[in-house]
Amino acid sequence: MSLSAFTTPTGFLLPSVHSAPPFFTQQPHPGTNATVTEQWTTLLLAYARHRKLFVLRVEDTEAADSEWVEVLRNERINRKLLPSYLSTILASMVSKNLATYDPPGQTRSALLYWRLPEEWAEVLHGWAISTGQLNTILTFYEITDPPIPSPLSDIPINLLKKAIAVLAKTGRSQLIAVADGEGVRLLAGKS
């Protein structure tokens, strides 16, 4: 089979390297392995952005109903990413601050940063401006599950808190205690 790009049922264009059987195997040569791991990192982050997926688990390599199946497997060449290799890829992503283990204290599930917390902070602040929500106290639920879907819909609370912390450093947010937990007030910021 020749190496060729392939469009998945969800409309994601897999690169031609996804058709190469060695791509699915951890390579013994450190330089080659670093290159392939970097290619997997790029692919996983692009796919996560395309599908708006935030969490990748080592178990996703084995689950036939995983949201990740079309990228972690290539049925056309009868290959799939092994759990041990995905674990190595996740460790590399965490070490480069492109992901974080979530929940903390384990290494089998990671929150992927297809947008860094700093980028999410700007998305959050821009959303507050465009919806007229500056200086309004918002619950995390109102941000993650708004009546009109937004780029922040379904963002994990841990990632939302990181974005809020970024804004707090520049005087553009305040955490507020609300009846059901925590909320935030987004501010114009210091000029």
C-alpha atoms as a PDB file:
ATOM      1  CA  MET A   1       0.000   0.000   0.000  1.00  0.00           C
ATOM      2  CA  SER A   2       1.341   3.401  -0.914  1.00  0.00           C
ATOM      3  CA  LEU A   3       1.582   6.166   1.626  1.00  0.00           C
ATOM      4  CA  SER A   4      -1.282   8.557   1.135  1.00  0.00           C
ATOM      5  CA  ALA A   5      -3.288  11.045   3.130  1.00  0.00           C
ATOM      6  CA  PHE A   6      -6.756   9.889   4.145  1.00  0.00           C
ATOM      7  CA  THR A   7      -9.863  11.788   5.216  1.00  0.00           C
ATOM      8  CA  THR A   8     -11.648  10.194   8.185  1.00  0.00           C
ATOM      9  CA  PRO A   9     -15.439   9.944   8.520  1.00  0.00           C
ATOM     10  CA  THR A  10     -15.342  13.038  10.791  1.00  0.00           C
ATOM     11  CA  GLY A  11     -13.593  15.031   8.041  1.00  0.00           C
ATOM     12  CA  PHE A  12     -10.103  15.034   9.552  1.00  0.00           C
ATOM     13  CA  LEU A  13      -7.246  14.683   7.055  1.00  0.00           C
ATOM     14  CA  LEU A  14      -4.758  12.122   8.319  1.00  0.00           C
ATOM     15  CA  PRO A  15      -1.227  12.724   7.020  1.00  0.00           C
ATOM     16  CA  SER A  16       0.403  10.186   4.720  1.00  0.00           C
ATOM     17  CA  VAL A  17       2.724   9.016   7.543  1.00  0.00           C
ATOM     18  CA  HIS A  18      -0.414   7.543   9.174  1.00  0.00           C
ATOM     19  CA  SER A  19      -0.325   4.925   6.376  1.00  0.00           C
ATOM     20  CA  ALA A  20       3.195   3.767   7.316  1.00  0.00           C
ATOM     21  CA  PRO A  21       3.193   0.666   9.569  1.00  0.00           C
ATOM     22  CA  PRO A  22       6.354   1.794  11.481  1.00  0.00           C
ATOM     23  CA  PHE A  23       4.510   4.957  12.551  1.00  0.00           C
ATOM     24  CA  PHE A  24       2.486   2.844  14.990  1.00  0.00           C
ATOM     25  CA  THR A  25       5.548   1.279  16.644  1.00  0.00           C
ATOM     26  CA  GLN A  26       7.945   2.849  19.108  1.00  0.00           C
ATOM     27  CA  GLN A  27      11.232   3.109  17.237  1.00  0.00           C
ATOM     28  CA  PRO A  28      14.458   1.704  18.750  1.00  0.00           C
ATOM     29  CA  HIS A  29      16.714   4.503  17.448  1.00  0.00           C
ATOM     30  CA  PRO A  30      16.378   7.535  19.777  1.00  0.00           C
ATOM     31  CA  GLY A  31      16.535  10.110  16.971  1.00  0.00           C
ATOM     32  CA  THR A  32      13.951   8.328  14.858  1.00  0.00           C
ATOM     33  CA  ASN A  33      11.738   7.764  17.892  1.00  0.00           C
ATOM     34  CA  ALA A  34      11.922  11.472  18.804  1.00  0.00           C
ATOM     35  CA  THR A  35      10.839  12.419  15.266  1.00  0.00           C
ATOM     36  CA  VAL A  36       7.940   9.944  15.234  1.00  0.00           C
ATOM     37  CA  THR A  37       6.843  11.002  18.729  1.00  0.00           C
ATOM     38  CA  GLU A  38       6.842  14.626  17.575  1.00  0.00           C
ATOM     39  CA  GLN A  39       4.722  13.649  14.553  1.00  0.00           C
ATOM     40  CA  TRP A  40       2.273  11.835  16.850  1.00  0.00           C
ATOM     41  CA  THR A  41       2.134  14.883  19.128  1.00  0.00           C
ATOM     42  CA  THR A  42       1.289  17.171  16.210  1.00  0.00           C
ATOM     43  CA  LEU A  43      -1.292  14.699  14.906  1.00  0.00           C
ATOM     44  CA  LEU A  44      -2.973  14.170  18.284  1.00  0.00           C
ATOM     45  CA  LEU A  45      -3.212  17.906  19.015  1.00  0.00           C
ATOM     46  CA  ALA A  46      -4.594  18.648  15.542  1.00  0.00           C
ATOM     47  CA  TYR A  47      -7.152  15.852  15.855  1.00  0.00           C
ATOM     48  CA  ALA A  48      -8.155  16.998  19.355  1.00  0.00           C
ATOM     49  CA  ARG A  49      -8.718  20.523  18.020  1.00  0.00           C
ATOM     50  CA  HIS A  50     -10.693  19.176  15.043  1.00  0.00           C
ATOM     51  CA  ARG A  51     -12.978  17.062  17.247  1.00  0.00           C
ATOM     52  CA  LYS A  52     -12.843  19.446  20.249  1.00  0.00           C
ATOM     53  CA  LEU A  53     -11.539  16.644  22.456  1.00  0.00           C
ATOM     54  CA  PHE A  54      -9.747  17.518  25.655  1.00  0.00           C
ATOM     55  CA  VAL A  55      -8.810  14.217  27.309  1.00  0.00           C
ATOM     56  CA  LEU A  56      -6.773  11.322  25.929  1.00  0.00           C
ATOM     57  CA  ARG A  57      -6.450   8.112  27.933  1.00  0.00           C
ATOM     58  CA  VAL A  58      -4.025   5.247  27.406  1.00  0.00           C
ATOM     59  CA  GLU A  59      -7.117   2.996  27.367  1.00  0.00           C
ATOM     60  CA  ASP A  60      -8.349   4.790  24.213  1.00  0.00           C
ATOM     61  CA  THR A  61      -5.919   2.667  22.194  1.00  0.00           C
ATOM     62  CA  GLU A  62      -7.889  -0.468  23.097  1.00  0.00           C
ATOM     63  CA  ALA A  63     -11.473   0.836  23.140  1.00  0.00           C
ATOM     64  CA  ALA A  64     -13.326   0.227  19.869  1.00  0.00           C
ATOM     65  CA  ASP A  65     -15.848   2.953  20.747  1.00  0.00           C
ATOM     66  CA  SER A  66     -13.252   5.596  21.656  1.00  0.00           C
ATOM     67  CA  GLU A  67     -13.607   9.055  20.134  1.00  0.00           C
ATOM     68  CA  TRP A  68      -9.936   8.647  19.185  1.00  0.00           C
ATOM     69  CA  VAL A  69     -10.287   5.376  17.247  1.00  0.00           C
ATOM     70  CA  GLU A  70      -9.917   6.869  13.761  1.00  0.00           C
ATOM     71  CA  VAL A  71      -6.539   8.383  14.621  1.00  0.00           C
ATOM     72  CA  LEU A  72      -5.144   5.743  16.997  1.00  0.00           C
ATOM     73  CA  ARG A  73      -5.893   2.961  14.510  1.00  0.00           C
ATOM     74  CA  ASN A  74      -5.462   2.416  10.811  1.00  0.00           C
ATOM     75  CA  GLU A  75      -7.660  -0.476   9.764  1.00  0.00           C
ATOM     76  CA  ARG A  76      -6.464  -0.125   6.151  1.00  0.00           C
ATOM     77  CA  ILE A  77      -3.005  -1.394   7.198  1.00  0.00           C
ATOM     78  CA  ASN A  78      -4.172  -3.344  10.266  1.00  0.00           C
ATOM     79  CA  ARG A  79      -2.215  -1.207  12.755  1.00  0.00           C
ATOM     80  CA  LYS A  80      -2.993   0.503  16.032  1.00  0.00           C
ATOM     81  CA  LEU A  81      -0.984   2.515  18.516  1.00  0.00           C
ATOM     82  CA  LEU A  82      -0.005   0.362  21.479  1.00  0.00           C
ATOM     83  CA  PRO A  83      -0.871   1.561  24.998  1.00  0.00           C
ATOM     84  CA  SER A  84       2.796   1.580  26.044  1.00  0.00           C
ATOM     85  CA  TYR A  85       3.729   3.841  23.130  1.00  0.00           C
ATOM     86  CA  LEU A  86       0.809   6.204  23.779  1.00  0.00           C
ATOM     87  CA  SER A  87       1.975   6.393  27.390  1.00  0.00           C
ATOM     88  CA  THR A  88       5.436   7.445  26.158  1.00  0.00           C
ATOM     89  CA  ILE A  89       3.903  10.034  23.803  1.00  0.00           C
ATOM     90  CA  LEU A  90       1.775  11.481  26.616  1.00  0.00           C
ATOM     91  CA  ALA A  91       4.856  11.709  28.871  1.00  0.00           C
ATOM     92  CA  SER A  92       6.654  13.622  26.113  1.00  0.00           C
ATOM     93  CA  MET A  93       3.687  15.980  25.679  1.00  0.00           C
ATOM     94  CA  VAL A  94       3.522  16.632  29.428  1.00  0.00           C
ATOM     95  CA  SER A  95       7.276  17.331  29.552  1.00  0.00           C
ATOM     96  CA  LYS A  96       6.833  19.930  26.763  1.00  0.00           C
ATOM     97  CA  ASN A  97       3.810  21.535  28.498  1.00  0.00           C
ATOM     98  CA  LEU A  98       1.502  20.454  25.663  1.00  0.00           C
ATOM     99  CA  ALA A  99      -0.575  18.376  28.088  1.00  0.00           C
ATOM    100  CA  THR A 100      -0.974  17.737  31.785  1.00  0.00           C
ATOM    101  CA  TYR A 101      -1.879  14.561  33.580  1.00  0.00           C
ATOM    102  CA  ASP A 102      -5.489  14.820  34.684  1.00  0.00           C
ATOM    103  CA  PRO A 103      -6.267  13.910  37.332  1.00  0.00           C
ATOM    104  CA  PRO A 104      -2.828  14.682  38.796  1.00  0.00           C
ATOM    105  CA  GLY A 105      -0.816  11.870  40.343  1.00  0.00           C
ATOM    106  CA  GLN A 106      -1.334   9.316  37.565  1.00  0.00           C
ATOM    107  CA  THR A 107       0.067   8.862  34.038  1.00  0.00           C
ATOM    108  CA  ARG A 108      -2.767   7.186  32.111  1.00  0.00           C
ATOM    109  CA  SER A 109      -5.001  10.169  31.330  1.00  0.00           C
ATOM    110  CA  ALA A 110      -3.982  13.589  30.062  1.00  0.00           C
ATOM    111  CA  LEU A 111      -5.654  16.901  29.368  1.00  0.00           C
ATOM    112  CA  LEU A 112      -4.355  18.036  25.978  1.00  0.00           C
ATOM    113  CA  TYR A 113      -3.432  21.637  25.294  1.00  0.00           C
ATOM    114  CA  TRP A 114      -4.491  22.048  21.689  1.00  0.00           C
ATOM    115  CA  ARG A 115      -4.748  25.606  22.914  1.00  0.00           C
ATOM    116  CA  LEU A 116      -2.381  26.580  25.698  1.00  0.00           C
ATOM    117  CA  PRO A 117      -3.912  28.029  28.890  1.00  0.00           C
ATOM    118  CA  GLU A 118      -2.643  31.444  27.767  1.00  0.00           C
ATOM    119  CA  GLU A 119      -4.554  31.069  24.489  1.00  0.00           C
ATOM    120  CA  TRP A 120      -7.692  29.931  26.333  1.00  0.00           C
ATOM    121  CA  ALA A 121      -7.345  33.017  28.555  1.00  0.00           C
ATOM    122  CA  GLU A 122      -7.536  35.248  25.484  1.00  0.00           C
ATOM    123  CA  VAL A 123     -10.492  33.257  24.114  1.00  0.00           C
ATOM    124  CA  LEU A 124     -12.274  33.628  27.475  1.00  0.00           C
ATOM    125  CA  HIS A 125     -11.587  37.347  27.691  1.00  0.00           C
ATOM    126  CA  GLY A 126     -12.632  37.916  24.070  1.00  0.00           C
ATOM    127  CA  TRP A 127     -15.840  35.944  24.683  1.00  0.00           C
ATOM    128  CA  ALA A 128     -16.638  38.082  27.746  1.00  0.00           C
ATOM    129  CA  ILE A 129     -16.159  41.251  25.709  1.00  0.00           C
ATOM    130  CA  SER A 130     -18.164  40.043  22.703  1.00  0.00           C
ATOM    131  CA  THR A 131     -21.087  38.863  24.860  1.00  0.00           C
ATOM    132  CA  GLY A 132     -21.111  41.957  27.080  1.00  0.00           C
ATOM    133  CA  GLN A 133     -20.167  39.963  30.179  1.00  0.00           C
ATOM    134  CA  LEU A 134     -17.287  42.103  31.472  1.00  0.00           C
ATOM    135  CA  ASN A 135     -17.745  42.951  35.172  1.00  0.00           C
ATOM    136  CA  THR A 136     -20.453  40.298  35.472  1.00  0.00           C
ATOM    137  CA  ILE A 137     -20.071  37.432  37.923  1.00  0.00           C
ATOM    138  CA  LEU A 138     -20.253  34.189  35.949  1.00  0.00           C
ATOM    139  CA  THR A 139     -20.357  30.657  37.265  1.00  0.00           C
ATOM    140  CA  PHE A 140     -18.071  28.135  35.612  1.00  0.00           C
ATOM    141  CA  TYR A 141     -21.224  26.384  34.369  1.00  0.00           C
ATOM    142  CA  GLU A 142     -22.355  29.549  32.558  1.00  0.00           C
ATOM    143  CA  ILE A 143     -19.009  29.642  30.756  1.00  0.00           C
ATOM    144  CA  THR A 144     -18.695  25.936  29.933  1.00  0.00           C
ATOM    145  CA  ASP A 145     -22.368  25.368  29.065  1.00  0.00           C
ATOM    146  CA  PRO A 146     -23.682  28.649  27.651  1.00  0.00           C
ATOM    147  CA  PRO A 147     -27.163  28.850  26.056  1.00  0.00           C
ATOM    148  CA  ILE A 148     -25.494  29.645  22.728  1.00  0.00           C
ATOM    149  CA  PRO A 149     -22.500  27.366  22.038  1.00  0.00           C
ATOM    150  CA  SER A 150     -19.165  29.150  22.170  1.00  0.00           C
ATOM    151  CA  PRO A 151     -15.495  28.204  21.801  1.00  0.00           C
ATOM    152  CA  LEU A 152     -15.580  27.649  25.590  1.00  0.00           C
ATOM    153  CA  SER A 153     -18.423  25.112  25.503  1.00  0.00           C
ATOM    154  CA  ASP A 154     -17.413  21.944  27.347  1.00  0.00           C
ATOM    155  CA  ILE A 155     -13.940  23.227  28.303  1.00  0.00           C
ATOM    156  CA  PRO A 156     -12.784  21.198  31.332  1.00  0.00           C
ATOM    157  CA  ILE A 157     -12.988  23.129  34.602  1.00  0.00           C
ATOM    158  CA  ASN A 158      -9.276  22.501  35.326  1.00  0.00           C
ATOM    159  CA  LEU A 159      -8.326  24.151  32.044  1.00  0.00           C
ATOM    160  CA  LEU A 160     -10.804  26.993  32.596  1.00  0.00           C
ATOM    161  CA  LYS A 161      -9.225  27.655  36.003  1.00  0.00           C
ATOM    162  CA  LYS A 162      -5.771  27.819  34.406  1.00  0.00           C
ATOM    163  CA  ALA A 163      -7.049  30.352  31.865  1.00  0.00           C
ATOM    164  CA  ILE A 164      -8.633  32.412  34.645  1.00  0.00           C
ATOM    165  CA  ALA A 165      -5.328  32.335  36.568  1.00  0.00           C
ATOM    166  CA  VAL A 166      -3.546  33.689  33.478  1.00  0.00           C
ATOM    167  CA  LEU A 167      -6.055  36.559  33.291  1.00  0.00           C
ATOM    168  CA  ALA A 168      -5.717  37.211  37.031  1.00  0.00           C
ATOM    169  CA  LYS A 169      -1.976  37.850  36.602  1.00  0.00           C
ATOM    170  CA  THR A 170      -2.821  40.749  34.276  1.00  0.00           C
ATOM    171  CA  GLY A 171      -5.703  42.079  36.381  1.00  0.00           C
ATOM    172  CA  ARG A 172      -8.370  40.843  33.976  1.00  0.00           C
ATOM    173  CA  SER A 173     -10.145  38.335  36.242  1.00  0.00           C
ATOM    174  CA  GLN A 174     -11.156  37.726  39.839  1.00  0.00           C
ATOM    175  CA  LEU A 175     -12.256  34.407  41.303  1.00  0.00           C
ATOM    176  CA  ILE A 176     -15.495  34.861  43.212  1.00  0.00           C
ATOM    177  CA  ALA A 177     -17.211  32.512  45.671  1.00  0.00           C
ATOM    178  CA  VAL A 178     -20.758  31.800  44.497  1.00  0.00           C
ATOM    179  CA  ALA A 179     -23.563  29.710  46.006  1.00  0.00           C
ATOM    180  CA  ASP A 180     -22.659  26.563  44.055  1.00  0.00           C
ATOM    181  CA  GLY A 181     -18.871  26.871  44.284  1.00  0.00           C
ATOM    182  CA  GLU A 182     -16.682  29.209  42.291  1.00  0.00           C
ATOM    183  CA  GLY A 183     -17.285  31.867  39.720  1.00  0.00           C
ATOM    184  CA  VAL A 184     -15.313  34.557  38.001  1.00  0.00           C
ATOM    185  CA  ARG A 185     -15.616  38.220  37.195  1.00  0.00           C
ATOM    186  CA  LEU A 186     -13.848  39.170  33.983  1.00  0.00           C
ATOM    187  CA  LEU A 187     -12.480  42.702  33.900  1.00  0.00           C
ATOM    188  CA  ALA A 188     -11.289  45.041  31.200  1.00  0.00           C
ATOM    189  CA  GLY A 189      -7.812  44.994  32.696  1.00  0.00           C
ATOM    190  CA  LYS A 190      -5.264  47.609  33.521  1.00  0.00           C
ATOM    191  CA  SER A 191      -4.293  49.981  30.780  1.00  0.00           C
END
